[in-house]
Protein backbone atom coordinates (compact mmCIF):
# COMPACT_ATOMS: atom_id res chain seq x y z
CA MET A 1 149.08 125.19 143.51
CA ASP A 2 150.28 123.71 146.84
CA ALA A 3 153.81 122.22 146.55
CA SER A 4 152.85 118.92 148.19
CA LEU A 5 149.93 118.52 145.78
CA GLN A 6 152.26 119.15 142.84
CA ARG A 7 154.61 116.41 144.05
CA LYS A 8 151.70 113.95 144.38
CA LEU A 9 150.50 114.77 140.85
CA ARG A 10 154.00 114.27 139.41
CA ARG A 11 154.23 110.83 141.05
CA LEU A 12 150.93 109.99 139.31
CA GLY A 13 152.32 111.23 135.98
CA VAL A 14 150.23 114.41 135.86
CA VAL A 15 152.14 117.56 134.88
CA LYS A 16 151.14 121.14 134.15
CA GLY A 17 152.23 122.45 130.76
CA VAL A 18 154.15 120.76 127.97
CA GLN A 19 157.47 122.15 129.13
CA ASN A 20 157.66 119.47 131.84
CA LEU A 21 156.72 116.59 129.55
CA LYS A 22 159.64 114.24 128.93
CA PRO A 23 160.17 113.06 125.34
CA ALA A 24 160.19 109.43 126.47
CA SER A 25 156.64 109.77 127.78
CA ILE A 26 155.21 110.61 124.34
CA GLN A 27 153.84 107.41 122.79
CA LEU A 28 152.99 107.33 119.09
CA PRO A 29 150.11 105.11 117.98
CA VAL A 30 151.22 101.62 117.01
CA GLU A 31 150.37 100.78 113.39
CA MET A 32 148.67 97.45 112.78
CA PRO A 33 150.45 95.13 110.36
CA ALA A 34 149.16 95.46 106.82
CA THR A 35 149.79 91.82 105.93
CA PRO A 36 146.73 89.57 105.98
CA SER A 37 146.39 87.20 108.92
CA THR A 38 144.08 84.18 109.24
CA PRO A 39 142.18 84.92 106.04
CA SER A 40 138.73 83.46 105.48
CA ASP A 41 138.64 80.16 103.57
CA ALA A 42 136.01 81.53 101.18
CA PRO A 43 137.52 83.13 98.06
CA LEU A 44 136.58 86.68 97.19
CA PRO A 45 133.72 86.54 94.65
CA GLY A 46 134.59 87.91 91.23
CA GLU A 47 137.51 88.10 88.84
CA ALA A 48 140.19 90.52 87.70
CA ILE A 49 139.20 92.47 84.56
CA SER A 50 141.96 94.19 82.64
CA THR A 51 141.57 97.94 81.96
CA PRO A 52 143.99 100.57 80.61
CA ARG A 53 144.60 101.63 84.23
CA GLY A 54 145.27 98.13 85.58
CA ASP A 55 143.11 95.25 86.81
CA ALA A 56 139.67 95.93 88.30
CA TRP A 57 138.03 93.33 90.50
CA VAL A 58 134.45 92.72 89.32
CA TRP A 59 131.72 90.29 90.34
CA ARG A 60 129.08 89.86 87.63
CA ARG A 61 125.73 88.12 87.57
CA HIS A 62 122.83 88.15 85.10
CA TYR A 63 119.23 88.09 86.31
CA PRO A 64 116.75 87.09 83.57
CA ALA A 65 113.65 89.21 83.04
CA GLY A 66 111.52 86.58 84.77
CA THR A 67 113.46 86.90 88.03
CA THR A 68 111.21 87.98 90.90
CA HIS A 69 112.51 90.42 93.48
CA GLY A 70 109.83 91.23 96.01
CA ASN A 71 106.39 91.75 94.50
CA TYR A 72 107.54 92.22 90.90
CA ARG A 73 109.47 90.58 88.11
CA LEU A 74 112.50 92.54 86.93
CA GLY A 75 111.22 92.29 83.36
CA GLU A 76 108.24 94.52 84.21
CA LEU A 77 110.62 97.41 83.52
CA ALA A 78 109.92 96.83 79.84
CA SER A 79 106.18 97.48 80.21
CA LEU A 80 106.27 100.72 82.21
CA ASP A 81 104.10 103.52 80.85
CA PRO A 82 106.29 106.39 79.55
CA GLN A 83 103.78 108.87 80.99
CA ALA A 84 104.23 107.33 84.44
CA LEU A 85 108.01 107.64 84.09
CA ASP A 86 107.54 111.28 83.11
CA LEU A 87 105.56 111.87 86.30
CA LEU A 88 108.35 110.28 88.33
CA GLY A 89 110.91 112.48 86.59
CA GLY A 90 112.55 109.72 84.54
CA GLY A 91 110.76 109.74 81.21
CA ALA A 92 113.97 109.87 79.15
CA LEU A 93 115.82 106.99 80.84
CA GLY A 94 115.94 105.01 77.61
CA THR A 95 116.40 101.30 77.00
CA HIS A 96 119.71 100.67 78.82
CA ILE A 97 119.08 101.97 82.33
CA ALA A 98 121.89 101.82 84.89
CA PHE A 99 120.87 101.31 88.54
CA LEU A 100 123.76 102.50 90.71
CA ASP A 101 124.58 102.18 94.42
CA THR A 102 127.85 102.63 96.33
CA GLU A 103 129.42 101.43 99.56
CA THR A 104 131.94 103.78 101.15
CA THR A 105 134.35 104.12 104.06
CA GLY A 106 132.14 106.76 105.69
CA LEU A 107 129.01 108.86 105.38
CA ALA A 108 130.56 112.30 105.81
CA GLY A 109 131.72 112.64 102.21
CA GLY A 110 134.69 114.66 101.08
CA ALA A 111 138.04 113.69 99.61
CA GLY A 112 138.83 111.38 102.54
CA THR A 113 135.88 109.07 101.86
CA LEU A 114 136.68 106.13 99.57
CA VAL A 115 134.10 104.43 97.36
CA PHE A 116 135.29 100.85 97.72
CA LEU A 117 132.30 99.07 96.13
CA THR A 118 130.02 100.27 93.36
CA GLY A 119 127.12 98.17 92.19
CA VAL A 120 125.71 98.89 88.73
CA GLY A 121 122.78 96.92 87.36
CA ILE A 122 122.28 97.40 83.62
CA TRP A 123 118.85 96.74 82.13
CA GLU A 124 119.47 95.02 78.79
CA GLY A 125 115.97 94.14 77.67
CA ASP A 126 116.28 90.47 78.58
CA GLY A 127 117.15 91.12 82.22
CA ILE A 128 119.55 92.89 84.56
CA THR A 129 123.31 92.33 84.49
CA LEU A 130 124.81 93.31 87.82
CA HIS A 131 128.42 94.49 88.09
CA LEU A 132 129.92 94.82 91.58
CA VAL A 133 133.20 96.73 91.22
CA PHE A 134 135.34 96.23 94.32
CA LEU A 135 138.63 97.67 95.54
CA ARG A 136 140.78 94.85 96.88
CA ASP A 137 143.24 97.62 97.61
CA PRO A 138 142.79 101.41 97.37
CA ASP A 139 145.49 101.42 94.69
CA GLU A 140 143.02 99.72 92.35
CA GLU A 141 140.79 102.81 92.26
CA PRO A 142 141.92 104.08 88.80
CA ALA A 143 141.12 100.69 87.24
CA ALA A 144 137.76 100.48 89.04
CA LEU A 145 136.76 103.96 87.89
CA THR A 146 137.80 103.14 84.34
CA TYR A 147 135.56 100.06 84.38
CA LEU A 148 132.67 102.12 85.77
CA ALA A 149 133.16 104.79 83.13
CA ASN A 150 132.85 102.19 80.37
CA LEU A 151 129.65 100.85 81.93
CA LEU A 152 127.99 104.23 82.29
CA GLN A 153 129.03 105.50 78.88
CA SER A 154 127.05 102.67 77.29
CA SER A 155 123.94 103.45 79.38
CA THR A 156 121.02 105.66 78.38
CA GLY A 157 119.83 106.70 81.85
CA LEU A 158 120.74 106.52 85.52
CA VAL A 159 118.63 105.52 88.54
CA THR A 160 119.84 105.90 92.15
CA PHE A 161 118.46 106.10 95.66
CA ASN A 162 119.87 109.30 97.22
CA GLY A 163 122.38 109.45 94.39
CA ALA A 164 121.99 113.19 93.95
CA GLY A 165 122.87 113.85 97.58
CA PHE A 166 125.44 111.13 98.25
CA ASP A 167 126.58 108.55 95.68
CA LEU A 168 127.18 110.77 92.66
CA PRO A 169 128.97 113.63 94.47
CA LEU A 170 131.29 111.09 96.11
CA LEU A 171 131.99 109.32 92.83
CA GLU A 172 132.59 112.66 91.16
CA SER A 173 135.21 113.56 93.77
CA ARG A 174 136.96 110.21 93.25
CA PHE A 175 137.02 110.71 89.46
CA ILE A 176 138.43 114.21 89.89
CA LEU A 177 141.11 113.03 92.34
CA GLN A 178 142.18 110.45 89.76
CA ARG A 179 142.17 113.15 87.05
CA MET A 180 139.36 111.46 85.20
CA PRO A 181 136.27 113.30 83.90
CA PRO A 182 132.96 112.14 85.45
CA CYS A 183 131.12 110.28 82.72
CA TRP A 184 127.44 110.51 83.66
CA GLY A 185 126.78 114.25 83.35
CA ALA A 186 124.75 113.90 80.15
CA LEU A 187 122.66 110.95 81.39
CA PRO A 188 119.06 111.53 82.51
CA HIS A 189 119.04 110.84 86.26
CA LEU A 190 116.13 109.71 88.43
CA ASP A 191 116.72 109.78 92.19
CA LEU A 192 114.12 107.46 93.73
CA LEU A 193 114.60 108.91 97.22
CA THR A 194 113.02 112.15 95.98
CA VAL A 195 110.09 110.16 94.59
CA ALA A 196 109.73 108.15 97.83
CA ARG A 197 109.66 111.31 99.91
CA LEU A 198 106.89 112.76 97.78
CA LEU A 199 104.91 109.56 97.53
CA TRP A 200 105.02 108.22 101.10
CA ARG A 201 105.60 111.24 103.33
CA GLU A 202 102.14 110.87 104.88
CA HIS A 203 102.08 107.07 104.74
CA LEU A 204 105.34 105.76 106.22
CA PRO A 205 107.41 106.85 109.22
CA SER A 206 110.60 106.64 107.16
CA ARG A 207 111.51 106.61 103.49
CA ARG A 208 114.74 104.63 103.90
CA LEU A 209 115.20 101.89 101.32
CA GLY A 210 115.04 99.21 104.03
CA MET A 211 111.69 100.54 105.23
CA LEU A 212 110.31 100.61 101.69
CA GLU A 213 111.48 97.02 101.11
CA THR A 214 109.51 95.66 104.05
CA ALA A 215 106.53 98.04 103.98
CA VAL A 216 105.63 98.22 100.28
CA LEU A 217 107.95 96.09 98.09
CA GLY A 218 107.63 92.67 99.74
CA ILE A 219 111.41 92.18 100.06
CA THR A 220 112.96 90.35 102.99
CA ARG A 221 116.73 90.25 103.40
CA THR A 222 118.44 87.15 104.75
CA ASP A 223 120.93 86.91 107.60
CA ALA A 224 123.66 87.27 104.97
CA ASP A 225 123.00 91.01 104.92
CA LEU A 226 125.37 93.35 106.74
CA PRO A 227 123.73 96.50 108.16
CA SER A 228 124.84 99.73 106.51
CA TRP A 229 126.38 101.18 109.64
CA LEU A 230 128.78 98.22 109.96
CA ILE A 231 130.02 98.30 106.36
CA PRO A 232 132.82 100.93 106.68
CA SER A 233 134.44 99.17 109.64
CA ALA A 234 134.08 95.77 107.93
CA TYR A 235 136.03 97.04 104.92
CA ARG A 236 138.76 98.48 107.13
CA GLU A 237 139.00 95.11 108.86
CA TYR A 238 139.34 93.42 105.48
CA LEU A 239 142.24 95.69 104.53
CA LEU A 240 144.01 94.77 107.78
CA THR A 241 143.33 91.03 107.86
CA GLY A 242 142.38 89.94 104.36
CA ARG A 243 139.31 88.11 105.65
CA THR A 244 136.53 87.99 103.03
CA ASP A 245 133.56 86.69 105.01
CA GLU A 246 132.23 90.15 105.86
CA ILE A 247 133.04 91.37 102.33
CA GLN A 248 130.72 88.72 100.95
CA ARG A 249 127.99 90.08 103.21
CA ILE A 250 128.68 93.58 101.85
CA PHE A 251 128.37 92.20 98.32
CA TYR A 252 124.98 90.74 99.24
CA HIS A 253 123.89 94.07 100.77
CA ASN A 254 124.82 96.00 97.63
CA GLU A 255 123.27 93.39 95.34
CA VAL A 256 119.93 93.69 97.13
CA ASP A 257 120.15 97.51 97.13
CA VAL A 258 120.53 97.57 93.34
CA LEU A 259 117.78 95.04 92.65
CA SER A 260 115.46 96.80 95.10
CA MET A 261 115.81 99.99 93.08
CA VAL A 262 114.50 98.10 90.05
CA THR A 263 111.51 96.85 92.05
CA LEU A 264 110.95 100.31 93.55
CA LEU A 265 110.91 101.96 90.12
CA VAL A 266 108.31 99.46 88.88
CA HIS A 267 106.24 99.91 92.03
CA CYS A 268 106.24 103.71 91.82
CA ALA A 269 105.39 103.73 88.12
CA ARG A 270 102.49 101.35 88.72
CA ARG A 271 101.15 103.76 91.34
CA LEU A 272 100.83 106.41 88.62
CA GLN A 273 99.74 104.31 85.64
CA ALA A 274 96.33 103.40 87.10
CA PRO A 275 96.03 104.47 90.74
CA GLU A 276 92.24 104.04 90.75
CA ALA A 277 92.67 100.30 90.22
CA LEU A 278 94.91 99.92 93.28
CA PRO A 279 94.02 99.71 96.98
CA LEU A 280 95.93 102.87 97.91
CA ALA A 281 95.90 104.16 101.48
CA ALA A 282 94.89 107.77 102.10
CA GLY A 283 98.49 108.80 102.68
CA GLU A 284 99.52 107.26 99.36
CA TRP A 285 96.79 109.19 97.56
CA VAL A 286 98.29 112.35 99.03
CA GLY A 287 101.66 111.39 97.56
CA VAL A 288 100.19 110.51 94.16
CA GLY A 289 98.57 113.94 94.08
CA ARG A 290 101.87 115.57 94.98
CA LEU A 291 103.61 113.84 92.04
CA TYR A 292 100.82 114.93 89.68
CA GLU A 293 101.11 118.48 91.00
CA ARG A 294 104.88 118.52 90.46
CA ALA A 295 104.27 117.54 86.85
CA GLY A 296 101.75 120.36 86.39
CA ARG A 297 98.76 118.02 86.07
CA ILE A 298 96.52 119.87 88.52
CA PRO A 299 93.15 118.18 87.80
CA GLU A 300 94.67 114.74 88.44
CA ALA A 301 96.36 116.06 91.59
CA GLU A 302 93.09 117.42 92.96
CA ALA A 303 91.29 114.16 92.14
CA ALA A 304 93.95 112.22 94.06
CA TRP A 305 93.60 114.50 97.09
CA GLU A 306 89.83 114.10 97.02
CA HIS A 307 90.38 110.33 97.13
CA ALA A 308 92.66 110.83 100.14
CA LEU A 309 90.04 112.89 101.98
CA GLU A 310 87.22 110.44 101.30
CA GLU A 311 88.68 107.86 103.68
CA ASP A 312 88.78 110.25 106.68
CA THR A 313 91.94 108.58 108.03
CA LEU A 314 94.49 111.35 107.48
CA PRO A 315 96.03 113.21 110.41
CA PRO A 316 94.06 116.44 111.00
CA ASP A 317 96.94 118.72 109.97
CA VAL A 318 97.41 116.86 106.67
CA ALA A 319 93.68 116.89 105.94
CA ALA A 320 93.50 120.61 106.75
CA ARG A 321 96.29 121.38 104.26
CA LEU A 322 94.46 119.48 101.53
CA TRP A 323 91.10 121.15 102.24
CA GLU A 324 92.83 124.54 102.26
CA THR A 325 94.59 123.86 98.95
CA LEU A 326 91.45 122.62 97.21
CA ALA A 327 89.33 125.52 98.47
CA HIS A 328 91.97 128.10 97.58
CA ARG A 329 92.07 126.87 93.99
CA ARG A 330 88.30 127.01 93.64
CA LYS A 331 88.43 130.52 95.11
CA GLN A 332 91.11 131.62 92.64
CA ALA A 333 89.03 130.23 89.78
CA GLY A 334 85.97 132.16 90.97
CA GLU A 335 84.08 128.92 91.62
CA TRP A 336 82.49 130.19 94.81
CA GLU A 337 79.83 127.52 95.26
CA ALA A 338 82.47 124.80 95.01
CA ALA A 339 84.69 126.69 97.46
CA LEU A 340 81.82 127.07 99.93
CA GLU A 341 81.11 123.35 99.73
CA ILE A 342 84.77 122.47 100.38
CA TRP A 343 84.95 124.84 103.37
CA GLU A 344 81.80 123.24 104.79
CA CYS A 345 83.24 119.72 104.36
CA TRP A 346 86.44 120.89 106.03
CA ALA A 347 84.52 122.37 108.97
CA ASN A 348 82.36 119.27 109.40
CA ARG A 349 85.23 116.78 109.22
CA LEU A 350 87.53 118.77 111.53
CA PRO A 351 85.42 120.06 114.44
CA THR A 352 88.20 122.31 115.72
CA ALA A 353 88.78 124.08 112.40
CA ILE A 354 88.01 127.81 112.47
CA GLU A 355 89.49 128.99 109.17
CA PRO A 356 86.85 127.39 106.85
CA LEU A 357 84.04 129.06 108.81
CA VAL A 358 85.76 132.45 108.57
CA GLU A 359 86.18 131.96 104.82
CA ARG A 360 82.50 131.11 104.45
CA ALA A 361 81.57 134.20 106.48
CA LYS A 362 83.65 136.40 104.16
CA VAL A 363 81.95 135.08 101.05
CA PHE A 364 78.44 135.51 102.48
CA GLU A 365 79.22 139.02 103.71
CA TRP A 366 81.13 140.54 100.81
CA LEU A 367 80.15 138.51 97.76
CA ASN A 368 76.60 137.35 98.51
CA HIS A 369 75.73 140.39 100.68
CA ASP A 370 74.06 138.04 103.13
CA ALA A 371 74.99 139.45 106.53
CA ALA A 372 72.65 137.12 108.42
CA THR A 373 74.30 133.93 107.12
CA ALA A 374 77.73 135.52 107.55
CA LEU A 375 76.86 136.16 111.20
CA GLN A 376 75.79 132.54 111.66
CA GLU A 377 79.14 131.32 110.31
CA THR A 378 80.99 133.78 112.55
CA GLU A 379 79.11 132.54 115.62
CA ARG A 380 80.00 128.96 114.71
CA ALA A 381 83.64 130.00 114.56
CA LEU A 382 83.38 131.85 117.89
CA LYS A 383 82.13 128.72 119.66
CA ARG A 384 85.14 126.79 118.37
CA ALA A 385 87.58 129.56 119.26
CA ALA A 386 86.24 129.63 122.83
CA ARG A 387 87.22 125.97 123.20
CA LEU A 388 90.83 126.56 122.17
CA PRO A 389 93.53 126.21 124.86
CA ARG A 390 94.22 129.45 126.67
CA GLY A 391 96.98 131.44 125.03
CA ILE A 392 97.81 134.09 122.47
CA ALA A 393 96.33 132.18 119.54
CA ARG A 394 92.98 131.84 121.32
CA GLU A 395 92.87 135.51 122.33
CA GLU A 396 93.78 136.74 118.84
CA ALA A 397 91.11 134.52 117.26
CA LEU A 398 88.45 135.73 119.69
CA VAL A 399 89.33 139.41 119.14
CA GLU A 400 89.16 139.06 115.35
CA LEU A 401 85.90 137.10 115.45
CA HIS A 402 84.21 139.45 117.93
CA HIS A 403 85.18 142.35 115.69
CA ARG A 404 83.57 140.59 112.73
CA GLU A 405 80.50 139.72 114.82
CA ASN A 406 79.99 143.35 115.93
CA ARG A 407 80.32 144.63 112.38
CA LEU A 408 77.75 142.15 111.06
CA GLN A 409 75.34 142.95 113.87
CA ARG A 410 75.58 146.67 113.01
CA LYS A 411 74.86 145.85 109.35
CA LEU A 412 71.75 143.92 110.29
CA LYS A 413 70.47 146.78 112.47
CA ALA A 414 71.10 149.41 109.81
């Protein structure tokens, strides 16, 4: 490097290599004072509850069974059909269900992520008792986990929303770090996010809890809510300043999350108790069929998919998958007339579909020994293939269909 340029860089404080860096120029980050400053006037909701590991800070509230949250009363939990719960994957939840949701210092997980608020709503037959267990200081974690352990040990089942992928693994790591055994391993667990993904994949653009609240549950949050992405920074600010105003908004956020899980469980179960009596959209019928299929109830699944196809409002790729599935099952069962009818419906409803016409041609050629009709179906498919965009897929389809056409023409001439 030119010597004059080096001198100019040094005057600007730019040096090459650490050997020229003076110790005085290294500045360590300044730590913010840990003492609270200008705290909010509002007291922190809750009270200190004594545990063998110290005091846990808990805010409790009871919601009677007649309390309405969204489109349902909380007490409708008591009237859910056990068969519907089985289809959802939660048939053994029992009579004291715990609805659990956490707020954390980050979304990445791992030992560095702290669970600073855990909401647990316990269904007690006459309503829901909500426990919000909060860490006023990270040192209170052993007491908070002890309180949670007592709550969950008295429960008969566990319901979460993404608990399998997020809440429970994080809680488990916190229990292990505090040398406490996780206490929910033997509880039946229903993760409602899994159910939502199956039920509304073709109906909603997102299966986030907030989307479900507004789109299907009839729940509207007030301005008191704090968006999820702001919650970690709000808690860090609380630890630095002692202000509680944003913490109260986090409490509200978690409270609604827990109660919305109750409403969501009721809503999903109702979708499976008597779907024919409900005004389900085509995409919802697809999801209902998927839940029936997961439970091994194939006739009910196929009936649901037929309902979905009747409305003719599904995206073409979704409809094609359903037609293909229904036809394949009739084919496997040797019900060829039913399969032919499904392939014809598929071809008529989706004018670009080639596969159902090919399948019909195969049946007429090899099973019915009707080369003339097989040739007609092949020619129908060829017309559609010719309209495909130019490319490899179009050329491969044309080659295969022309081969079939030539073979059938030879059979007819023989």
